[in-house]
Amino acid sequence: MVAYKMELIHASEALDYALLKLPTDGAKIAQTYGYLRLKTRAGVVGEQLYIPQHPMGENKRIAVEDDYASNVAD
């Protein structure tokens, strides 16, 4: 574990997510591991959505989603 102090903003066991706020020295963590910025506006149709995650506590993965029908699994 890299960040020992963090604030839990919101979590959902049903949706398997937690949103955490890192301390102000989190910049060092961001430099090491990278980061994505949150947008303050609503999404736009056709815009890609990147979801960094540790599904079921596994290694980090990034899901890429959009609304294109060709990306929908049958």
C-alpha atoms as a PDB file:
ATOM      1  CA  MET A   1       0.000   0.000   0.000  1.00  0.00           C
ATOM      2  CA  VAL A   2       1.352   3.406  -0.944  1.00  0.00           C
ATOM      3  CA  ALA A   3      -1.166   5.839   0.596  1.00  0.00           C
ATOM      4  CA  TYR A   4      -1.783   5.259   4.281  1.00  0.00           C
ATOM      5  CA  LYS A   5      -4.120   8.185   4.858  1.00  0.00           C
ATOM      6  CA  MET A   6      -7.093   8.716   2.603  1.00  0.00           C
ATOM      7  CA  GLU A   7     -10.681   9.875   2.842  1.00  0.00           C
ATOM      8  CA  LEU A   8     -13.502   7.615   1.693  1.00  0.00           C
ATOM      9  CA  ILE A   9     -15.806   9.775  -0.437  1.00  0.00           C
ATOM     10  CA  HIS A  10     -18.325   7.094  -1.447  1.00  0.00           C
ATOM     11  CA  ALA A  11     -18.489   3.330  -1.849  1.00  0.00           C
ATOM     12  CA  SER A  12     -20.914   0.694  -3.076  1.00  0.00           C
ATOM     13  CA  GLU A  13     -20.434  -2.998  -2.417  1.00  0.00           C
ATOM     14  CA  ALA A  14     -23.211  -3.804  -4.907  1.00  0.00           C
ATOM     15  CA  LEU A  15     -21.450  -1.871  -7.700  1.00  0.00           C
ATOM     16  CA  ASP A  16     -17.962  -2.890  -6.465  1.00  0.00           C
ATOM     17  CA  TYR A  17     -16.430   0.598  -6.270  1.00  0.00           C
ATOM     18  CA  ALA A  18     -14.959   3.070  -3.831  1.00  0.00           C
ATOM     19  CA  LEU A  19     -13.998   6.694  -4.487  1.00  0.00           C
ATOM     20  CA  LEU A  20     -11.059   7.823  -2.341  1.00  0.00           C
ATOM     21  CA  LYS A  21      -9.463  11.219  -1.817  1.00  0.00           C
ATOM     22  CA  LEU A  22      -5.690  11.064  -1.382  1.00  0.00           C
ATOM     23  CA  PRO A  23      -3.810  13.437   0.931  1.00  0.00           C
ATOM     24  CA  THR A  24      -2.191  16.559  -0.498  1.00  0.00           C
ATOM     25  CA  ASP A  25       1.123  14.701  -0.854  1.00  0.00           C
ATOM     26  CA  GLY A  26      -0.721  12.386  -3.259  1.00  0.00           C
ATOM     27  CA  ALA A  27       1.102  14.178  -6.094  1.00  0.00           C
ATOM     28  CA  LYS A  28       4.026  11.816  -5.535  1.00  0.00           C
ATOM     29  CA  ILE A  29       1.671   8.871  -5.980  1.00  0.00           C
ATOM     30  CA  ALA A  30       0.209  10.419  -9.158  1.00  0.00           C
ATOM     31  CA  GLN A  31       3.696  10.923 -10.600  1.00  0.00           C
ATOM     32  CA  THR A  32       4.516   7.277  -9.970  1.00  0.00           C
ATOM     33  CA  TYR A  33       1.258   5.631 -11.030  1.00  0.00           C
ATOM     34  CA  GLY A  34      -0.443   8.232 -13.249  1.00  0.00           C
ATOM     35  CA  TYR A  35      -3.937   9.622 -12.878  1.00  0.00           C
ATOM     36  CA  LEU A  36      -7.141  10.493 -14.694  1.00  0.00           C
ATOM     37  CA  ARG A  37      -8.938  13.797 -14.135  1.00  0.00           C
ATOM     38  CA  LEU A  38     -12.612  13.935 -13.208  1.00  0.00           C
ATOM     39  CA  LYS A  39     -14.717  16.192 -15.400  1.00  0.00           C
ATOM     40  CA  THR A  40     -17.140  18.646 -13.856  1.00  0.00           C
ATOM     41  CA  ARG A  41     -19.641  18.331 -16.700  1.00  0.00           C
ATOM     42  CA  ALA A  42     -22.022  15.608 -17.799  1.00  0.00           C
ATOM     43  CA  GLY A  43     -20.865  13.048 -20.325  1.00  0.00           C
ATOM     44  CA  VAL A  44     -21.365  13.531 -24.052  1.00  0.00           C
ATOM     45  CA  VAL A  45     -22.860  10.893 -26.362  1.00  0.00           C
ATOM     46  CA  GLY A  46     -20.014   9.096 -28.142  1.00  0.00           C
ATOM     47  CA  GLU A  47     -17.378  10.177 -25.607  1.00  0.00           C
ATOM     48  CA  GLN A  48     -15.157   7.403 -24.247  1.00  0.00           C
ATOM     49  CA  LEU A  49     -15.232   6.601 -20.553  1.00  0.00           C
ATOM     50  CA  TYR A  50     -12.135   5.279 -18.766  1.00  0.00           C
ATOM     51  CA  ILE A  51     -12.730   3.364 -15.541  1.00  0.00           C
ATOM     52  CA  PRO A  52      -9.603   2.506 -13.509  1.00  0.00           C
ATOM     53  CA  GLN A  53     -10.409  -0.371 -11.212  1.00  0.00           C
ATOM     54  CA  HIS A  54      -9.252  -3.297  -9.133  1.00  0.00           C
ATOM     55  CA  PRO A  55     -12.177  -5.653  -9.871  1.00  0.00           C
ATOM     56  CA  MET A  56     -12.801  -8.043  -6.994  1.00  0.00           C
ATOM     57  CA  GLY A  57      -9.550  -6.778  -5.425  1.00  0.00           C
ATOM     58  CA  GLU A  58      -7.435  -8.039  -8.338  1.00  0.00           C
ATOM     59  CA  ASN A  59      -4.664  -6.163 -10.184  1.00  0.00           C
ATOM     60  CA  LYS A  60      -5.450  -2.747 -11.681  1.00  0.00           C
ATOM     61  CA  ARG A  61      -7.330  -2.715 -14.984  1.00  0.00           C
ATOM     62  CA  ILE A  62      -8.730   0.137 -17.043  1.00  0.00           C
ATOM     63  CA  ALA A  63     -12.083  -0.414 -18.721  1.00  0.00           C
ATOM     64  CA  VAL A  64     -12.769   1.653 -21.832  1.00  0.00           C
ATOM     65  CA  GLU A  65     -16.424   2.133 -22.684  1.00  0.00           C
ATOM     66  CA  ASP A  66     -18.397   4.137 -25.188  1.00  0.00           C
ATOM     67  CA  ASP A  67     -21.883   4.002 -26.661  1.00  0.00           C
ATOM     68  CA  TYR A  68     -20.903   2.439 -29.982  1.00  0.00           C
ATOM     69  CA  ALA A  69     -22.999  -0.660 -30.736  1.00  0.00           C
ATOM     70  CA  SER A  70     -19.925  -2.502 -32.064  1.00  0.00           C
ATOM     71  CA  ASN A  71     -18.473  -2.539 -28.529  1.00  0.00           C
ATOM     72  CA  VAL A  72     -21.461  -4.276 -26.944  1.00  0.00           C
ATOM     73  CA  ALA A  73     -20.846  -7.897 -25.982  1.00  0.00           C
ATOM     74  CA  ASP A  74     -23.534 -10.394 -27.022  1.00  0.00           C
END
